[in-house]
Amino acid sequence: MANSNNKIVVPEARAAMNKFKMEAANEVGVNLQNGYNGNLTSREAGSIGGQMVKKMIQSYESGLQG
């Protein structure tokens, strides 16, 4: 089993980050499961991360305009 080096600084944020990841996966058409997702291709995993970054940037930019 792979061990993740990504640490969530605020433990209460874990559920929100998981929800955010699932929404991003749904938006790019990747079937993400709760738990182990070792069957994903690098392209699928990268598209989820890319979508998450895109949404974070859009959120940040809209906050600057408000």
PDB file of N, CA and C in Angstrom:
ATOM      1  N   MET A   1       0.853  -1.183   0.000  1.00  0.00           N
ATOM      2  CA  MET A   1       0.000   0.000   0.000  1.00  0.00           C
ATOM      3  C   MET A   1       0.894   1.240   0.000  1.00  0.00           C
ATOM      4  N   ALA A   2       0.605   2.157  -0.898  1.00  0.00           N
ATOM      5  CA  ALA A   2       1.387   3.388  -0.991  1.00  0.00           C
ATOM      6  C   ALA A   2       1.018   4.316   0.158  1.00  0.00           C
ATOM      7  N   ASN A   3       2.022   5.020   0.651  1.00  0.00           N
ATOM      8  CA  ASN A   3       1.809   5.955   1.742  1.00  0.00           C
ATOM      9  C   ASN A   3       1.938   7.367   1.193  1.00  0.00           C
ATOM     10  N   SER A   4       0.947   8.193   1.395  1.00  0.00           N
ATOM     11  CA  SER A   4       0.939   9.545   0.864  1.00  0.00           C
ATOM     12  C   SER A   4       1.779  10.477   1.722  1.00  0.00           C
ATOM     13  N   ASN A   5       2.538  11.326   1.083  1.00  0.00           N
ATOM     14  CA  ASN A   5       3.313  12.336   1.796  1.00  0.00           C
ATOM     15  C   ASN A   5       2.563  13.651   1.914  1.00  0.00           C
ATOM     16  N   ASN A   6       1.375  13.731   1.310  1.00  0.00           N
ATOM     17  CA  ASN A   6       0.585  14.953   1.384  1.00  0.00           C
ATOM     18  C   ASN A   6      -0.078  15.041   2.747  1.00  0.00           C
ATOM     19  N   LYS A   7       0.200  16.118   3.451  1.00  0.00           N
ATOM     20  CA  LYS A   7      -0.360  16.311   4.789  1.00  0.00           C
ATOM     21  C   LYS A   7      -1.351  17.468   4.759  1.00  0.00           C
ATOM     22  N   ILE A   8      -2.529  17.235   5.316  1.00  0.00           N
ATOM     23  CA  ILE A   8      -3.514  18.302   5.456  1.00  0.00           C
ATOM     24  C   ILE A   8      -3.246  18.961   6.799  1.00  0.00           C
ATOM     25  N   VAL A   9      -2.949  20.248   6.759  1.00  0.00           N
ATOM     26  CA  VAL A   9      -2.567  20.983   7.960  1.00  0.00           C
ATOM     27  C   VAL A   9      -3.738  21.099   8.931  1.00  0.00           C
ATOM     28  N   VAL A  10      -4.932  21.326   8.412  1.00  0.00           N
ATOM     29  CA  VAL A  10      -6.125  21.439   9.244  1.00  0.00           C
ATOM     30  C   VAL A  10      -6.937  20.156   9.060  1.00  0.00           C
ATOM     31  N   PRO A  11      -6.924  19.257  10.030  1.00  0.00           N
ATOM     32  CA  PRO A  11      -7.603  17.963   9.866  1.00  0.00           C
ATOM     33  C   PRO A  11      -9.075  18.077   9.469  1.00  0.00           C
ATOM     34  N   GLU A  12      -9.744  19.124   9.912  1.00  0.00           N
ATOM     35  CA  GLU A  12     -11.150  19.312   9.585  1.00  0.00           C
ATOM     36  C   GLU A  12     -11.357  19.565   8.092  1.00  0.00           C
ATOM     37  N   ALA A  13     -10.306  19.910   7.389  1.00  0.00           N
ATOM     38  CA  ALA A  13     -10.416  20.203   5.960  1.00  0.00           C
ATOM     39  C   ALA A  13     -10.416  18.942   5.110  1.00  0.00           C
ATOM     40  N   ARG A  14     -10.086  17.794   5.687  1.00  0.00           N
ATOM     41  CA  ARG A  14      -9.981  16.546   4.912  1.00  0.00           C
ATOM     42  C   ARG A  14     -11.268  16.225   4.161  1.00  0.00           C
ATOM     43  N   ALA A  15     -12.415  16.308   4.815  1.00  0.00           N
ATOM     44  CA  ALA A  15     -13.689  15.989   4.163  1.00  0.00           C
ATOM     45  C   ALA A  15     -13.975  16.965   3.027  1.00  0.00           C
ATOM     46  N   ALA A  16     -13.693  18.238   3.242  1.00  0.00           N
ATOM     47  CA  ALA A  16     -13.923  19.236   2.193  1.00  0.00           C
ATOM     48  C   ALA A  16     -13.016  18.987   0.990  1.00  0.00           C
ATOM     49  N   MET A  17     -11.755  18.620   1.241  1.00  0.00           N
ATOM     50  CA  MET A  17     -10.833  18.336   0.143  1.00  0.00           C
ATOM     51  C   MET A  17     -11.264  17.089  -0.621  1.00  0.00           C
ATOM     52  N   ASN A  18     -11.734  16.070   0.079  1.00  0.00           N
ATOM     53  CA  ASN A  18     -12.221  14.870  -0.599  1.00  0.00           C
ATOM     54  C   ASN A  18     -13.435  15.172  -1.463  1.00  0.00           C
ATOM     55  N   LYS A  19     -14.340  16.004  -0.955  1.00  0.00           N
ATOM     56  CA  LYS A  19     -15.520  16.398  -1.726  1.00  0.00           C
ATOM     57  C   LYS A  19     -15.093  17.199  -2.957  1.00  0.00           C
ATOM     58  N   PHE A  20     -14.161  18.108  -2.781  1.00  0.00           N
ATOM     59  CA  PHE A  20     -13.642  18.931  -3.873  1.00  0.00           C
ATOM     60  C   PHE A  20     -13.008  18.045  -4.945  1.00  0.00           C
ATOM     61  N   LYS A  21     -12.239  17.039  -4.519  1.00  0.00           N
ATOM     62  CA  LYS A  21     -11.587  16.115  -5.449  1.00  0.00           C
ATOM     63  C   LYS A  21     -12.626  15.306  -6.223  1.00  0.00           C
ATOM     64  N   MET A  22     -13.670  14.842  -5.541  1.00  0.00           N
ATOM     65  CA  MET A  22     -14.719  14.068  -6.213  1.00  0.00           C
ATOM     66  C   MET A  22     -15.473  14.923  -7.239  1.00  0.00           C
ATOM     67  N   GLU A  23     -15.737  16.188  -6.892  1.00  0.00           N
ATOM     68  CA  GLU A  23     -16.406  17.091  -7.827  1.00  0.00           C
ATOM     69  C   GLU A  23     -15.542  17.324  -9.061  1.00  0.00           C
ATOM     70  N   ALA A  24     -14.250  17.534  -8.855  1.00  0.00           N
ATOM     71  CA  ALA A  24     -13.331  17.759  -9.973  1.00  0.00           C
ATOM     72  C   ALA A  24     -13.265  16.520 -10.860  1.00  0.00           C
ATOM     73  N   ALA A  25     -13.223  15.340 -10.257  1.00  0.00           N
ATOM     74  CA  ALA A  25     -13.187  14.091 -11.034  1.00  0.00           C
ATOM     75  C   ALA A  25     -14.452  13.944 -11.865  1.00  0.00           C
ATOM     76  N   ASN A  26     -15.579  14.260 -11.272  1.00  0.00           N
ATOM     77  CA  ASN A  26     -16.856  14.175 -11.982  1.00  0.00           C
ATOM     78  C   ASN A  26     -16.880  15.138 -13.171  1.00  0.00           C
ATOM     79  N   GLU A  27     -16.352  16.332 -12.983  1.00  0.00           N
ATOM     80  CA  GLU A  27     -16.348  17.349 -14.044  1.00  0.00           C
ATOM     81  C   GLU A  27     -15.489  16.942 -15.239  1.00  0.00           C
ATOM     82  N   VAL A  28     -14.420  16.176 -15.004  1.00  0.00           N
ATOM     83  CA  VAL A  28     -13.565  15.752 -16.108  1.00  0.00           C
ATOM     84  C   VAL A  28     -13.888  14.332 -16.569  1.00  0.00           C
ATOM     85  N   GLY A  29     -14.934  13.727 -15.995  1.00  0.00           N
ATOM     86  CA  GLY A  29     -15.397  12.418 -16.438  1.00  0.00           C
ATOM     87  C   GLY A  29     -14.568  11.242 -15.966  1.00  0.00           C
ATOM     88  N   VAL A  30     -13.921  11.367 -14.804  1.00  0.00           N
ATOM     89  CA  VAL A  30     -13.126  10.272 -14.245  1.00  0.00           C
ATOM     90  C   VAL A  30     -13.922   9.636 -13.112  1.00  0.00           C
ATOM     91  N   ASN A  31     -14.015   8.301 -13.154  1.00  0.00           N
ATOM     92  CA  ASN A  31     -14.752   7.575 -12.129  1.00  0.00           C
ATOM     93  C   ASN A  31     -13.850   7.365 -10.917  1.00  0.00           C
ATOM     94  N   LEU A  32     -13.910   8.285  -9.973  1.00  0.00           N
ATOM     95  CA  LEU A  32     -13.091   8.228  -8.765  1.00  0.00           C
ATOM     96  C   LEU A  32     -13.886   7.539  -7.666  1.00  0.00           C
ATOM     97  N   GLN A  33     -13.251   6.588  -6.999  1.00  0.00           N
ATOM     98  CA  GLN A  33     -13.890   5.843  -5.915  1.00  0.00           C
ATOM     99  C   GLN A  33     -13.410   6.379  -4.571  1.00  0.00           C
ATOM    100  N   ASN A  34     -14.204   6.174  -3.529  1.00  0.00           N
ATOM    101  CA  ASN A  34     -13.722   6.445  -2.176  1.00  0.00           C
ATOM    102  C   ASN A  34     -12.701   5.368  -1.845  1.00  0.00           C
ATOM    103  N   GLY A  35     -11.579   5.765  -1.287  1.00  0.00           N
ATOM    104  CA  GLY A  35     -10.542   4.791  -0.937  1.00  0.00           C
ATOM    105  C   GLY A  35      -9.497   4.675  -2.028  1.00  0.00           C
ATOM    106  N   TYR A  36      -9.069   3.454  -2.296  1.00  0.00           N
ATOM    107  CA  TYR A  36      -7.966   3.173  -3.217  1.00  0.00           C
ATOM    108  C   TYR A  36      -8.360   3.439  -4.668  1.00  0.00           C
ATOM    109  N   ASN A  37      -7.505   4.177  -5.389  1.00  0.00           N
ATOM    110  CA  ASN A  37      -7.737   4.475  -6.799  1.00  0.00           C
ATOM    111  C   ASN A  37      -6.491   4.188  -7.625  1.00  0.00           C
ATOM    112  N   GLY A  38      -5.774   3.136  -7.279  1.00  0.00           N
ATOM    113  CA  GLY A  38      -4.551   2.778  -7.976  1.00  0.00           C
ATOM    114  C   GLY A  38      -4.760   2.333  -9.407  1.00  0.00           C
ATOM    115  N   ASN A  39      -6.009   2.119  -9.802  1.00  0.00           N
ATOM    116  CA  ASN A  39      -6.303   1.710 -11.164  1.00  0.00           C
ATOM    117  C   ASN A  39      -6.400   2.892 -12.134  1.00  0.00           C
ATOM    118  N   LEU A  40      -6.299   4.126 -11.627  1.00  0.00           N
ATOM    119  CA  LEU A  40      -6.368   5.296 -12.499  1.00  0.00           C
ATOM    120  C   LEU A  40      -5.088   5.417 -13.315  1.00  0.00           C
ATOM    121  N   THR A  41      -5.249   5.892 -14.543  1.00  0.00           N
ATOM    122  CA  THR A  41      -4.064   6.176 -15.349  1.00  0.00           C
ATOM    123  C   THR A  41      -3.462   7.492 -14.885  1.00  0.00           C
ATOM    124  N   SER A  42      -2.222   7.733 -15.267  1.00  0.00           N
ATOM    125  CA  SER A  42      -1.580   9.012 -14.931  1.00  0.00           C
ATOM    126  C   SER A  42      -2.354  10.164 -15.541  1.00  0.00           C
ATOM    127  N   ARG A  43      -2.864   9.966 -16.726  1.00  0.00           N
ATOM    128  CA  ARG A  43      -3.654  11.007 -17.402  1.00  0.00           C
ATOM    129  C   ARG A  43      -4.919  11.335 -16.606  1.00  0.00           C
ATOM    130  N   GLU A  44      -5.617  10.311 -16.119  1.00  0.00           N
ATOM    131  CA  GLU A  44      -6.833  10.539 -15.349  1.00  0.00           C
ATOM    132  C   GLU A  44      -6.522  11.268 -14.044  1.00  0.00           C
ATOM    133  N   ALA A  45      -5.503  10.798 -13.332  1.00  0.00           N
ATOM    134  CA  ALA A  45      -5.126  11.437 -12.066  1.00  0.00           C
ATOM    135  C   ALA A  45      -4.698  12.877 -12.302  1.00  0.00           C
ATOM    136  N   GLY A  46      -3.933  13.101 -13.359  1.00  0.00           N
ATOM    137  CA  GLY A  46      -3.484  14.458 -13.682  1.00  0.00           C
ATOM    138  C   GLY A  46      -4.622  15.375 -14.066  1.00  0.00           C
ATOM    139  N   SER A  47      -5.622  14.840 -14.758  1.00  0.00           N
ATOM    140  CA  SER A  47      -6.751  15.682 -15.150  1.00  0.00           C
ATOM    141  C   SER A  47      -7.559  16.111 -13.931  1.00  0.00           C
ATOM    142  N   ILE A  48      -7.638  15.246 -12.917  1.00  0.00           N
ATOM    143  CA  ILE A  48      -8.338  15.616 -11.677  1.00  0.00           C
ATOM    144  C   ILE A  48      -7.576  16.736 -10.979  1.00  0.00           C
ATOM    145  N   GLY A  49      -6.264  16.565 -10.819  1.00  0.00           N
ATOM    146  CA  GLY A  49      -5.449  17.601 -10.175  1.00  0.00           C
ATOM    147  C   GLY A  49      -5.487  18.902 -10.943  1.00  0.00           C
ATOM    148  N   GLY A  50      -5.418  18.821 -12.250  1.00  0.00           N
ATOM    149  CA  GLY A  50      -5.470  20.026 -13.078  1.00  0.00           C
ATOM    150  C   GLY A  50      -6.791  20.764 -12.929  1.00  0.00           C
ATOM    151  N   GLN A  51      -7.886  20.008 -12.874  1.00  0.00           N
ATOM    152  CA  GLN A  51      -9.201  20.622 -12.696  1.00  0.00           C
ATOM    153  C   GLN A  51      -9.309  21.288 -11.330  1.00  0.00           C
ATOM    154  N   MET A  52      -8.730  20.656 -10.308  1.00  0.00           N
ATOM    155  CA  MET A  52      -8.759  21.245  -8.974  1.00  0.00           C
ATOM    156  C   MET A  52      -7.998  22.579  -8.963  1.00  0.00           C
ATOM    157  N   VAL A  53      -6.819  22.596  -9.582  1.00  0.00           N
ATOM    158  CA  VAL A  53      -6.024  23.830  -9.637  1.00  0.00           C
ATOM    159  C   VAL A  53      -6.776  24.903 -10.416  1.00  0.00           C
ATOM    160  N   LYS A  54      -7.381  24.529 -11.536  1.00  0.00           N
ATOM    161  CA  LYS A  54      -8.140  25.481 -12.348  1.00  0.00           C
ATOM    162  C   LYS A  54      -9.260  26.123 -11.522  1.00  0.00           C
ATOM    163  N   LYS A  55      -9.988  25.290 -10.761  1.00  0.00           N
ATOM    164  CA  LYS A  55     -11.080  25.812  -9.941  1.00  0.00           C
ATOM    165  C   LYS A  55     -10.565  26.711  -8.813  1.00  0.00           C
ATOM    166  N   MET A  56      -9.409  26.356  -8.222  1.00  0.00           N
ATOM    167  CA  MET A  56      -8.841  27.188  -7.153  1.00  0.00           C
ATOM    168  C   MET A  56      -8.418  28.550  -7.698  1.00  0.00           C
ATOM    169  N   ILE A  57      -7.827  28.559  -8.879  1.00  0.00           N
ATOM    170  CA  ILE A  57      -7.408  29.826  -9.497  1.00  0.00           C
ATOM    171  C   ILE A  57      -8.620  30.670  -9.823  1.00  0.00           C
ATOM    172  N   GLN A  58      -9.671  30.062 -10.390  1.00  0.00           N
ATOM    173  CA  GLN A  58     -10.895  30.808 -10.696  1.00  0.00           C
ATOM    174  C   GLN A  58     -11.504  31.398  -9.428  1.00  0.00           C
ATOM    175  N   SER A  59     -11.509  30.625  -8.348  1.00  0.00           N
ATOM    176  CA  SER A  59     -12.054  31.114  -7.079  1.00  0.00           C
ATOM    177  C   SER A  59     -11.239  32.292  -6.552  1.00  0.00           C
ATOM    178  N   TYR A  60      -9.925  32.173  -6.614  1.00  0.00           N
ATOM    179  CA  TYR A  60      -9.045  33.242  -6.156  1.00  0.00           C
ATOM    180  C   TYR A  60      -9.249  34.503  -6.974  1.00  0.00           C
ATOM    181  N   GLU A  61      -9.310  34.351  -8.307  1.00  0.00           N
ATOM    182  CA  GLU A  61      -9.469  35.517  -9.175  1.00  0.00           C
ATOM    183  C   GLU A  61     -10.816  36.188  -8.981  1.00  0.00           C
ATOM    184  N   SER A  62     -11.859  35.416  -8.748  1.00  0.00           N
ATOM    185  CA  SER A  62     -13.176  36.021  -8.532  1.00  0.00           C
ATOM    186  C   SER A  62     -13.200  36.752  -7.183  1.00  0.00           C
ATOM    187  N   GLY A  63     -12.425  36.283  -6.200  1.00  0.00           N
ATOM    188  CA  GLY A  63     -12.317  36.961  -4.912  1.00  0.00           C
ATOM    189  C   GLY A  63     -11.595  38.293  -5.026  1.00  0.00           C
ATOM    190  N   LEU A  64     -10.657  38.385  -5.951  1.00  0.00           N
ATOM    191  CA  LEU A  64      -9.926  39.642  -6.162  1.00  0.00           C
ATOM    192  C   LEU A  64     -10.820  40.699  -6.786  1.00  0.00           C
ATOM    193  N   GLN A  65     -11.798  40.268  -7.546  1.00  0.00           N
ATOM    194  CA  GLN A  65     -12.663  41.218  -8.251  1.00  0.00           C
ATOM    195  C   GLN A  65     -13.827  41.679  -7.387  1.00  0.00           C
ATOM    196  N   GLY A  66     -14.054  41.003  -6.261  1.00  0.00           N
ATOM    197  CA  GLY A  66     -15.212  41.299  -5.418  1.00  0.00           C
ATOM    198  C   GLY A  66     -15.038  42.433  -4.517  1.00  0.00           C
TER     199      GLY A  66
END
